[in-house]
Amino acid sequence: MLSTANVKTVIVDLDRTLLHTDKTMSAYTVKVLKCCKKCGIKIMVATARPFRATKQYCELIDFDAIVVSNGARVICGNRRTDCGIYLKSAERLINALKHYPNLRITLETGDCAYSNLPIEDYDTVITDDLIGIADKEGVLKILVHLDREEDLSIVQKELTEDLYYTIAHGYLLQIMSTSATKWNGIKAMLNICNCSSDETAYFGDDQDDIEPMKMCGLGIAVSNGIDEVISVADYVIESNDADGVAKFIEHQILKKWNFQN
C-alpha cells in the first residue's frame, strides 16, 4: 500500500465523493485541492458525468486532467480521446429497446443528451429519433432509468458482447463500450500526464470506483459509499457532506507541507 506521504497524484470521483449531496464543492475543499497543486501534487477527476456537467468545478479547480462519461472521454489540456459505442451496436440496442415504450432512454453524446421521454433533474433534448442522433453525433453512453423491476432484465438480454453496464445510485443503468471503463480512462489519463498509478490515491463511492480503487496505490472510500467499495478500500473516510476527501488530503497527504486551513 502506498504511503500517504508519497502520493504524487490524486484522482477524485465527483458525485457523492468530492461534492456535497447538493452538488456543491465547499470553500474548504477548494482550498485543499489548490494547495495540492501548489505542492506539486496533480489533481484529476474520474466521473460518470459528461464534460459539460463538470465545467463549473473546472472553473474552481484547474484540474490536470479529467475522465468523463465513465471513461468514454479523456481530456488533458487540449487533447481529447473518445471511446464511444460502435454505431451498429448503438442502433441495434436502440431499435430493440424501442419495443418497450415505457423505457426511459437517454443517449449521451458528450456535447448533449437526448431522451425519448422526460427525465427529472436531467437536462435532455426530447426526440423520437434517437437513431438519427446516434448516426449524426455518435454515442458515448446510453442511459436507461430502471423504473420497474423488469427493466434491468429487458436491457440485459439486448446487450451485445461489446457492451457492458453499471448501475449508479441504484436506478440509473449506464451502458458503455467494453473499452470505456473508468479504469481504462484513468490509465490513459495517467499515461498522457506521465503519472504512475502506484503513486496515485483514488477516492470513490460507487460500483465503477471499485477497479480503480484496487489498481491505484491507495484506495479511499467515503463512508457513504456502497458496501462493495468500502470493503476494498485501504481507508474509509468521512462522508462527502462532511468534506471527507479534503480532510483526508489535509491530514494525511499534505501533512508534510504543514497545510493551514
C-alpha atoms as a PDB file:
ATOM      1  CA  MET A   1       0.000   0.000   0.000  1.00  0.00           C
ATOM      2  CA  LEU A   2       1.251   3.450  -0.937  1.00  0.00           C
ATOM      3  CA  SER A   3       2.291   5.684   1.945  1.00  0.00           C
ATOM      4  CA  THR A   4       0.118   8.792   2.126  1.00  0.00           C
ATOM      5  CA  ALA A   5       3.281  10.897   2.319  1.00  0.00           C
ATOM      6  CA  ASN A   6       4.386   9.643  -1.103  1.00  0.00           C
ATOM      7  CA  VAL A   7       1.202  10.416  -3.059  1.00  0.00           C
ATOM      8  CA  LYS A   8       2.012  12.361  -6.247  1.00  0.00           C
ATOM      9  CA  THR A   9      -1.401  12.211  -7.944  1.00  0.00           C
ATOM     10  CA  VAL A  10      -4.910  12.449  -6.501  1.00  0.00           C
ATOM     11  CA  ILE A  11      -7.908  11.272  -8.543  1.00  0.00           C
ATOM     12  CA  VAL A  12     -11.404  12.010  -7.259  1.00  0.00           C
ATOM     13  CA  ASP A  13     -14.874  10.931  -8.254  1.00  0.00           C
ATOM     14  CA  LEU A  14     -17.317  13.836  -8.096  1.00  0.00           C
ATOM     15  CA  ASP A  15     -20.888  12.897  -7.128  1.00  0.00           C
ATOM     16  CA  ARG A  16     -21.269  11.507  -3.609  1.00  0.00           C
ATOM     17  CA  THR A  17     -17.479  11.687  -3.159  1.00  0.00           C
ATOM     18  CA  LEU A  18     -15.909  15.123  -3.616  1.00  0.00           C
ATOM     19  CA  LEU A  19     -19.174  17.029  -3.990  1.00  0.00           C
ATOM     20  CA  HIS A  20     -21.764  17.556  -1.293  1.00  0.00           C
ATOM     21  CA  THR A  21     -25.166  15.954  -1.880  1.00  0.00           C
ATOM     22  CA  ASP A  22     -26.439  19.312  -3.136  1.00  0.00           C
ATOM     23  CA  LYS A  23     -23.693  19.172  -5.846  1.00  0.00           C
ATOM     24  CA  THR A  24     -21.622  21.973  -4.325  1.00  0.00           C
ATOM     25  CA  MET A  25     -17.905  21.983  -3.549  1.00  0.00           C
ATOM     26  CA  SER A  26     -17.058  23.626  -0.241  1.00  0.00           C
ATOM     27  CA  ALA A  27     -14.620  26.517   0.029  1.00  0.00           C
ATOM     28  CA  TYR A  28     -12.535  24.316   2.319  1.00  0.00           C
ATOM     29  CA  THR A  29     -12.290  21.578  -0.325  1.00  0.00           C
ATOM     30  CA  VAL A  30     -11.315  24.133  -2.969  1.00  0.00           C
ATOM     31  CA  LYS A  31      -8.572  25.468  -0.715  1.00  0.00           C
ATOM     32  CA  VAL A  32      -7.173  21.997  -0.014  1.00  0.00           C
ATOM     33  CA  LEU A  33      -7.126  20.986  -3.689  1.00  0.00           C
ATOM     34  CA  LYS A  34      -5.455  24.231  -4.686  1.00  0.00           C
ATOM     35  CA  CYS A  35      -2.856  23.631  -2.007  1.00  0.00           C
ATOM     36  CA  CYS A  36      -2.151  20.204  -3.541  1.00  0.00           C
ATOM     37  CA  LYS A  37      -1.393  21.830  -6.863  1.00  0.00           C
ATOM     38  CA  LYS A  38       0.912  24.380  -5.212  1.00  0.00           C
ATOM     39  CA  CYS A  39       2.764  21.474  -3.601  1.00  0.00           C
ATOM     40  CA  GLY A  40       3.216  19.710  -6.942  1.00  0.00           C
ATOM     41  CA  ILE A  41       0.522  17.059  -6.457  1.00  0.00           C
ATOM     42  CA  LYS A  42      -1.561  16.552  -9.600  1.00  0.00           C
ATOM     43  CA  ILE A  43      -5.337  16.693  -9.152  1.00  0.00           C
ATOM     44  CA  MET A  44      -7.533  14.738 -11.571  1.00  0.00           C
ATOM     45  CA  VAL A  45     -11.188  13.776 -11.884  1.00  0.00           C
ATOM     46  CA  ALA A  46     -12.835  10.498 -12.924  1.00  0.00           C
ATOM     47  CA  THR A  47     -16.607  10.781 -13.178  1.00  0.00           C
ATOM     48  CA  ALA A  48     -19.693   9.396 -14.875  1.00  0.00           C
ATOM     49  CA  ARG A  49     -20.727  12.961 -15.689  1.00  0.00           C
ATOM     50  CA  PRO A  50     -20.297  14.304 -19.216  1.00  0.00           C
ATOM     51  CA  PHE A  51     -17.715  17.041 -19.596  1.00  0.00           C
ATOM     52  CA  ARG A  52     -20.308  19.810 -19.891  1.00  0.00           C
ATOM     53  CA  ALA A  53     -21.538  18.908 -16.380  1.00  0.00           C
ATOM     54  CA  THR A  54     -18.056  19.337 -14.886  1.00  0.00           C
ATOM     55  CA  LYS A  55     -17.302  22.826 -16.176  1.00  0.00           C
ATOM     56  CA  GLN A  56     -18.450  24.673 -13.051  1.00  0.00           C
ATOM     57  CA  TYR A  57     -15.990  22.626 -10.980  1.00  0.00           C
ATOM     58  CA  CYS A  58     -13.190  23.087 -13.514  1.00  0.00           C
ATOM     59  CA  GLU A  59     -13.636  26.828 -13.019  1.00  0.00           C
ATOM     60  CA  LEU A  60     -12.958  26.347  -9.299  1.00  0.00           C
ATOM     61  CA  ILE A  61     -10.030  23.956  -9.681  1.00  0.00           C
ATOM     62  CA  ASP A  62      -7.641  23.800 -12.626  1.00  0.00           C
ATOM     63  CA  PHE A  63      -7.684  20.002 -12.829  1.00  0.00           C
ATOM     64  CA  ASP A  64      -4.671  18.477 -14.544  1.00  0.00           C
ATOM     65  CA  ALA A  65      -6.858  16.015 -16.481  1.00  0.00           C
ATOM     66  CA  ILE A  66     -10.374  14.602 -16.468  1.00  0.00           C
ATOM     67  CA  VAL A  67     -12.023  11.269 -17.269  1.00  0.00           C
ATOM     68  CA  VAL A  68     -15.729  11.760 -18.023  1.00  0.00           C
ATOM     69  CA  SER A  69     -18.677   9.596 -19.107  1.00  0.00           C
ATOM     70  CA  ASN A  70     -17.338   6.565 -17.208  1.00  0.00           C
ATOM     71  CA  GLY A  71     -14.120   6.541 -19.237  1.00  0.00           C
ATOM     72  CA  ALA A  72     -15.621   7.145 -22.659  1.00  0.00           C
ATOM     73  CA  ARG A  73     -13.822  10.501 -22.909  1.00  0.00           C
ATOM     74  CA  VAL A  74     -10.425  11.603 -21.573  1.00  0.00           C
ATOM     75  CA  ILE A  75      -9.472  15.294 -21.563  1.00  0.00           C
ATOM     76  CA  CYS A  76      -5.984  16.573 -20.812  1.00  0.00           C
ATOM     77  CA  GLY A  77      -5.431  20.182 -21.816  1.00  0.00           C
ATOM     78  CA  ASN A  78      -6.320  20.496 -25.484  1.00  0.00           C
ATOM     79  CA  ARG A  79      -6.032  16.749 -26.005  1.00  0.00           C
ATOM     80  CA  ARG A  80      -9.255  14.715 -26.120  1.00  0.00           C
ATOM     81  CA  THR A  81      -9.666  10.962 -26.610  1.00  0.00           C
ATOM     82  CA  ASP A  82     -13.060   9.306 -27.140  1.00  0.00           C
ATOM     83  CA  CYS A  83     -14.049   5.666 -26.775  1.00  0.00           C
ATOM     84  CA  GLY A  84     -17.735   5.571 -27.642  1.00  0.00           C
ATOM     85  CA  ILE A  85     -20.214   2.841 -28.545  1.00  0.00           C
ATOM     86  CA  TYR A  86     -19.936   1.434 -32.056  1.00  0.00           C
ATOM     87  CA  LEU A  87     -22.696   2.882 -34.216  1.00  0.00           C
ATOM     88  CA  LYS A  88     -24.065  -0.529 -35.278  1.00  0.00           C
ATOM     89  CA  SER A  89     -24.252  -1.652 -31.639  1.00  0.00           C
ATOM     90  CA  ALA A  90     -25.968   1.581 -30.615  1.00  0.00           C
ATOM     91  CA  GLU A  91     -28.503   1.314 -33.438  1.00  0.00           C
ATOM     92  CA  ARG A  92     -29.250  -2.331 -32.656  1.00  0.00           C
ATOM     93  CA  LEU A  93     -29.779  -1.653 -28.961  1.00  0.00           C
ATOM     94  CA  ILE A  94     -31.946   1.425 -29.540  1.00  0.00           C
ATOM     95  CA  ASN A  95     -34.115  -0.459 -32.038  1.00  0.00           C
ATOM     96  CA  ALA A  96     -34.539  -3.336 -29.588  1.00  0.00           C
ATOM     97  CA  LEU A  97     -35.426  -1.081 -26.656  1.00  0.00           C
ATOM     98  CA  LYS A  98     -37.953   0.866 -28.736  1.00  0.00           C
ATOM     99  CA  HIS A  99     -40.245  -2.160 -28.467  1.00  0.00           C
ATOM    100  CA  TYR A 100     -40.679  -1.255 -24.787  1.00  0.00           C
ATOM    101  CA  PRO A 101     -42.323   2.191 -24.968  1.00  0.00           C
ATOM    102  CA  ASN A 102     -42.243   2.781 -21.206  1.00  0.00           C
ATOM    103  CA  LEU A 103     -38.436   2.592 -21.031  1.00  0.00           C
ATOM    104  CA  ARG A 104     -36.816   5.971 -20.488  1.00  0.00           C
ATOM    105  CA  ILE A 105     -33.743   6.006 -22.727  1.00  0.00           C
ATOM    106  CA  THR A 106     -31.069   8.697 -22.963  1.00  0.00           C
ATOM    107  CA  LEU A 107     -28.213   8.990 -25.452  1.00  0.00           C
ATOM    108  CA  GLU A 108     -25.167  10.815 -24.109  1.00  0.00           C
ATOM    109  CA  THR A 109     -23.132  12.238 -26.976  1.00  0.00           C
ATOM    110  CA  GLY A 110     -20.755  14.189 -24.766  1.00  0.00           C
ATOM    111  CA  ASP A 111     -21.898  17.549 -26.038  1.00  0.00           C
ATOM    112  CA  CYS A 112     -25.615  16.957 -25.436  1.00  0.00           C
ATOM    113  CA  ALA A 113     -28.092  14.402 -24.067  1.00  0.00           C
ATOM    114  CA  TYR A 114     -31.173  13.196 -25.937  1.00  0.00           C
ATOM    115  CA  SER A 115     -34.093  11.274 -24.403  1.00  0.00           C
ATOM    116  CA  ASN A 116     -37.235   9.623 -25.705  1.00  0.00           C
ATOM    117  CA  LEU A 117     -39.146  10.673 -22.552  1.00  0.00           C
ATOM    118  CA  PRO A 118     -38.683  13.435 -19.940  1.00  0.00           C
ATOM    119  CA  ILE A 119     -36.100  12.808 -17.204  1.00  0.00           C
ATOM    120  CA  GLU A 120     -36.391  14.576 -13.863  1.00  0.00           C
ATOM    121  CA  ASP A 121     -33.437  16.787 -12.922  1.00  0.00           C
ATOM    122  CA  TYR A 122     -31.628  15.942 -16.155  1.00  0.00           C
ATOM    123  CA  ASP A 123     -31.412  18.479 -18.955  1.00  0.00           C
ATOM    124  CA  THR A 124     -32.100  16.488 -22.118  1.00  0.00           C
ATOM    125  CA  VAL A 125     -33.497  17.181 -25.568  1.00  0.00           C
ATOM    126  CA  ILE A 126     -36.655  15.123 -26.131  1.00  0.00           C
ATOM    127  CA  THR A 127     -36.726  13.379 -29.507  1.00  0.00           C
ATOM    128  CA  ASP A 128     -38.346  10.382 -31.186  1.00  0.00           C
ATOM    129  CA  ASP A 129     -35.333   9.927 -33.491  1.00  0.00           C
ATOM    130  CA  LEU A 130     -32.612   8.510 -31.273  1.00  0.00           C
ATOM    131  CA  ILE A 131     -31.243   6.507 -34.209  1.00  0.00           C
ATOM    132  CA  GLY A 132     -30.768   9.681 -36.223  1.00  0.00           C
ATOM    133  CA  ILE A 133     -28.975  11.329 -33.302  1.00  0.00           C
ATOM    134  CA  ALA A 134     -26.646   8.345 -32.882  1.00  0.00           C
ATOM    135  CA  ASP A 135     -25.812   8.400 -36.583  1.00  0.00           C
ATOM    136  CA  LYS A 136     -25.147  12.148 -36.610  1.00  0.00           C
ATOM    137  CA  GLU A 137     -23.339  12.736 -33.307  1.00  0.00           C
ATOM    138  CA  GLY A 138     -22.091   9.364 -32.085  1.00  0.00           C
ATOM    139  CA  VAL A 139     -22.827   7.913 -28.641  1.00  0.00           C
ATOM    140  CA  LEU A 140     -20.533   7.857 -25.624  1.00  0.00           C
ATOM    141  CA  LYS A 141     -23.050   6.002 -23.486  1.00  0.00           C
ATOM    142  CA  ILE A 142     -26.703   5.010 -23.287  1.00  0.00           C
ATOM    143  CA  LEU A 143     -28.666   5.505 -20.084  1.00  0.00           C
ATOM    144  CA  VAL A 144     -31.819   3.658 -19.059  1.00  0.00           C
ATOM    145  CA  HIS A 145     -33.836   4.573 -15.970  1.00  0.00           C
ATOM    146  CA  LEU A 146     -34.823   1.459 -14.038  1.00  0.00           C
ATOM    147  CA  ASP A 147     -38.388   2.450 -13.211  1.00  0.00           C
ATOM    148  CA  ARG A 148     -39.707  -1.128 -12.921  1.00  0.00           C
ATOM    149  CA  GLU A 149     -38.240  -4.370 -11.610  1.00  0.00           C
ATOM    150  CA  GLU A 150     -38.300  -5.963 -15.056  1.00  0.00           C
ATOM    151  CA  ASP A 151     -36.422  -3.126 -16.799  1.00  0.00           C
ATOM    152  CA  LEU A 152     -32.961  -4.467 -15.950  1.00  0.00           C
ATOM    153  CA  SER A 153     -33.630  -7.928 -17.418  1.00  0.00           C
ATOM    154  CA  ILE A 154     -35.107  -6.319 -20.548  1.00  0.00           C
ATOM    155  CA  VAL A 155     -31.901  -4.415 -21.190  1.00  0.00           C
ATOM    156  CA  GLN A 156     -29.571  -7.246 -20.208  1.00  0.00           C
ATOM    157  CA  LYS A 157     -30.903  -9.613 -22.870  1.00  0.00           C
ATOM    158  CA  GLU A 158     -30.402  -7.000 -25.598  1.00  0.00           C
ATOM    159  CA  LEU A 159     -26.744  -6.190 -24.880  1.00  0.00           C
ATOM    160  CA  THR A 160     -24.127  -7.313 -27.402  1.00  0.00           C
ATOM    161  CA  GLU A 161     -20.676  -8.584 -26.400  1.00  0.00           C
ATOM    162  CA  ASP A 162     -19.047  -5.204 -26.988  1.00  0.00           C
ATOM    163  CA  LEU A 163     -21.253  -3.504 -24.383  1.00  0.00           C
ATOM    164  CA  TYR A 164     -21.390  -3.592 -20.595  1.00  0.00           C
ATOM    165  CA  TYR A 165     -23.345  -1.738 -17.938  1.00  0.00           C
ATOM    166  CA  THR A 166     -23.057  -0.329 -14.450  1.00  0.00           C
ATOM    167  CA  ILE A 167     -25.840   0.851 -12.146  1.00  0.00           C
ATOM    168  CA  ALA A 168     -25.457   4.205 -10.413  1.00  0.00           C
ATOM    169  CA  HIS A 169     -27.469   5.324  -7.379  1.00  0.00           C
ATOM    170  CA  GLY A 170     -29.444   2.062  -7.579  1.00  0.00           C
ATOM    171  CA  TYR A 171     -31.633   3.127 -10.509  1.00  0.00           C
ATOM    172  CA  LEU A 172     -29.578   4.535 -13.389  1.00  0.00           C
ATOM    173  CA  LEU A 173     -28.308   1.897 -15.801  1.00  0.00           C
ATOM    174  CA  GLN A 174     -25.311   3.159 -17.780  1.00  0.00           C
ATOM    175  CA  ILE A 175     -24.308   1.279 -20.934  1.00  0.00           C
ATOM    176  CA  MET A 176     -20.847   1.771 -22.436  1.00  0.00           C
ATOM    177  CA  SER A 177     -18.386   0.162 -24.808  1.00  0.00           C
ATOM    178  CA  THR A 178     -16.395  -2.576 -23.070  1.00  0.00           C
ATOM    179  CA  SER A 179     -13.309  -0.482 -23.816  1.00  0.00           C
ATOM    180  CA  ALA A 180     -14.761   2.520 -21.982  1.00  0.00           C
ATOM    181  CA  THR A 181     -14.314   1.843 -18.286  1.00  0.00           C
ATOM    182  CA  LYS A 182     -13.272   4.274 -15.597  1.00  0.00           C
ATOM    183  CA  TRP A 183     -10.061   2.354 -15.074  1.00  0.00           C
ATOM    184  CA  ASN A 184      -9.181   2.306 -18.789  1.00  0.00           C
ATOM    185  CA  GLY A 185      -9.824   6.042 -18.915  1.00  0.00           C
ATOM    186  CA  ILE A 186      -7.692   6.582 -15.834  1.00  0.00           C
ATOM    187  CA  LYS A 187      -4.834   4.542 -17.303  1.00  0.00           C
ATOM    188  CA  ALA A 188      -4.941   6.659 -20.449  1.00  0.00           C
ATOM    189  CA  MET A 189      -5.080   9.851 -18.391  1.00  0.00           C
ATOM    190  CA  LEU A 190      -2.135   8.854 -16.216  1.00  0.00           C
ATOM    191  CA  ASN A 191      -0.123   7.851 -19.265  1.00  0.00           C
ATOM    192  CA  ILE A 192      -0.756  11.182 -21.006  1.00  0.00           C
ATOM    193  CA  CYS A 193       0.309  13.052 -17.858  1.00  0.00           C
ATOM    194  CA  ASN A 194       3.340  10.798 -17.213  1.00  0.00           C
ATOM    195  CA  CYS A 195       1.990   9.722 -13.823  1.00  0.00           C
ATOM    196  CA  SER A 196       2.239   6.335 -12.123  1.00  0.00           C
ATOM    197  CA  SER A 197      -0.804   4.532 -10.747  1.00  0.00           C
ATOM    198  CA  ASP A 198       1.435   3.240  -7.930  1.00  0.00           C
ATOM    199  CA  GLU A 199       1.855   6.829  -6.719  1.00  0.00           C
ATOM    200  CA  THR A 200      -1.828   7.694  -7.078  1.00  0.00           C
ATOM    201  CA  ALA A 201      -4.558   7.991  -4.446  1.00  0.00           C
ATOM    202  CA  TYR A 202      -8.082   7.316  -5.701  1.00  0.00           C
ATOM    203  CA  PHE A 203     -11.277   8.457  -3.923  1.00  0.00           C
ATOM    204  CA  GLY A 204     -14.691   6.974  -4.760  1.00  0.00           C
ATOM    205  CA  ASP A 205     -18.052   5.694  -3.574  1.00  0.00           C
ATOM    206  CA  ASP A 206     -19.818   3.546  -6.195  1.00  0.00           C
ATOM    207  CA  GLN A 207     -19.610   0.421  -8.336  1.00  0.00           C
ATOM    208  CA  ASP A 208     -17.403   1.800 -11.090  1.00  0.00           C
ATOM    209  CA  ASP A 209     -14.905   3.051  -8.493  1.00  0.00           C
ATOM    210  CA  ILE A 210     -14.005  -0.459  -7.329  1.00  0.00           C
ATOM    211  CA  GLU A 211     -11.476  -1.301 -10.068  1.00  0.00           C
ATOM    212  CA  PRO A 212      -9.531   1.978  -9.930  1.00  0.00           C
ATOM    213  CA  MET A 213      -9.542   1.781  -6.146  1.00  0.00           C
ATOM    214  CA  LYS A 214      -7.912  -1.649  -6.358  1.00  0.00           C
ATOM    215  CA  MET A 215      -5.456  -0.705  -9.092  1.00  0.00           C
ATOM    216  CA  CYS A 216      -4.159   2.596  -7.712  1.00  0.00           C
ATOM    217  CA  GLY A 217      -1.510   2.753  -4.990  1.00  0.00           C
ATOM    218  CA  LEU A 218      -4.053   3.929  -2.458  1.00  0.00           C
ATOM    219  CA  GLY A 219      -7.832   3.438  -2.462  1.00  0.00           C
ATOM    220  CA  ILE A 220     -10.023   5.611  -0.246  1.00  0.00           C
ATOM    221  CA  ALA A 221     -13.793   5.240   0.154  1.00  0.00           C
ATOM    222  CA  VAL A 222     -16.159   7.805   1.627  1.00  0.00           C
ATOM    223  CA  SER A 223     -18.312   6.410   4.428  1.00  0.00           C
ATOM    224  CA  ASN A 224     -21.471   6.982   2.384  1.00  0.00           C
ATOM    225  CA  GLY A 225     -20.146   4.673  -0.340  1.00  0.00           C
ATOM    226  CA  ILE A 226     -21.656   1.305  -1.169  1.00  0.00           C
ATOM    227  CA  ASP A 227     -20.527  -1.724   0.839  1.00  0.00           C
ATOM    228  CA  GLU A 228     -18.567  -3.218  -2.078  1.00  0.00           C
ATOM    229  CA  VAL A 229     -16.410  -0.092  -2.329  1.00  0.00           C
ATOM    230  CA  ILE A 230     -15.840   0.164   1.404  1.00  0.00           C
ATOM    231  CA  SER A 231     -14.762  -3.484   1.547  1.00  0.00           C
ATOM    232  CA  VAL A 232     -11.851  -2.970  -0.905  1.00  0.00           C
ATOM    233  CA  ALA A 233     -10.664   0.433   0.338  1.00  0.00           C
ATOM    234  CA  ASP A 234      -7.387   0.995   2.151  1.00  0.00           C
ATOM    235  CA  TYR A 235      -9.048   3.791   4.124  1.00  0.00           C
ATOM    236  CA  VAL A 236     -12.664   4.705   4.863  1.00  0.00           C
ATOM    237  CA  ILE A 237     -13.101   8.418   5.498  1.00  0.00           C
ATOM    238  CA  GLU A 238     -15.883  10.785   6.492  1.00  0.00           C
ATOM    239  CA  SER A 239     -18.802  11.299   4.134  1.00  0.00           C
ATOM    240  CA  ASN A 240     -18.982  13.619   1.151  1.00  0.00           C
ATOM    241  CA  ASP A 241     -21.158  16.061   3.099  1.00  0.00           C
ATOM    242  CA  ALA A 242     -18.524  16.180   5.855  1.00  0.00           C
ATOM    243  CA  ASP A 243     -15.717  17.016   3.361  1.00  0.00           C
ATOM    244  CA  GLY A 244     -14.117  13.646   3.975  1.00  0.00           C
ATOM    245  CA  VAL A 245     -11.887  13.830   0.895  1.00  0.00           C
ATOM    246  CA  ALA A 246     -10.463  17.241   1.756  1.00  0.00           C
ATOM    247  CA  LYS A 247      -9.920  16.301   5.410  1.00  0.00           C
ATOM    248  CA  PHE A 248      -8.003  13.159   4.459  1.00  0.00           C
ATOM    249  CA  ILE A 249      -5.860  15.071   1.976  1.00  0.00           C
ATOM    250  CA  GLU A 250      -5.106  17.778   4.536  1.00  0.00           C
ATOM    251  CA  HIS A 251      -4.256  15.466   7.426  1.00  0.00           C
ATOM    252  CA  GLN A 252      -2.589  12.605   5.540  1.00  0.00           C
ATOM    253  CA  ILE A 253      -1.289  13.684   2.128  1.00  0.00           C
ATOM    254  CA  LEU A 254      -0.416  17.325   2.845  1.00  0.00           C
ATOM    255  CA  LYS A 255       0.829  16.857   6.398  1.00  0.00           C
ATOM    256  CA  LYS A 256       4.497  17.221   5.456  1.00  0.00           C
ATOM    257  CA  TRP A 257       3.693  20.637   3.949  1.00  0.00           C
ATOM    258  CA  ASN A 258       2.010  21.822   7.182  1.00  0.00           C
ATOM    259  CA  PHE A 259      -1.172  22.883   5.422  1.00  0.00           C
ATOM    260  CA  GLN A 260      -3.058  25.512   7.398  1.00  0.00           C
ATOM    261  CA  ASN A 261      -6.844  25.700   6.945  1.00  0.00           C
END
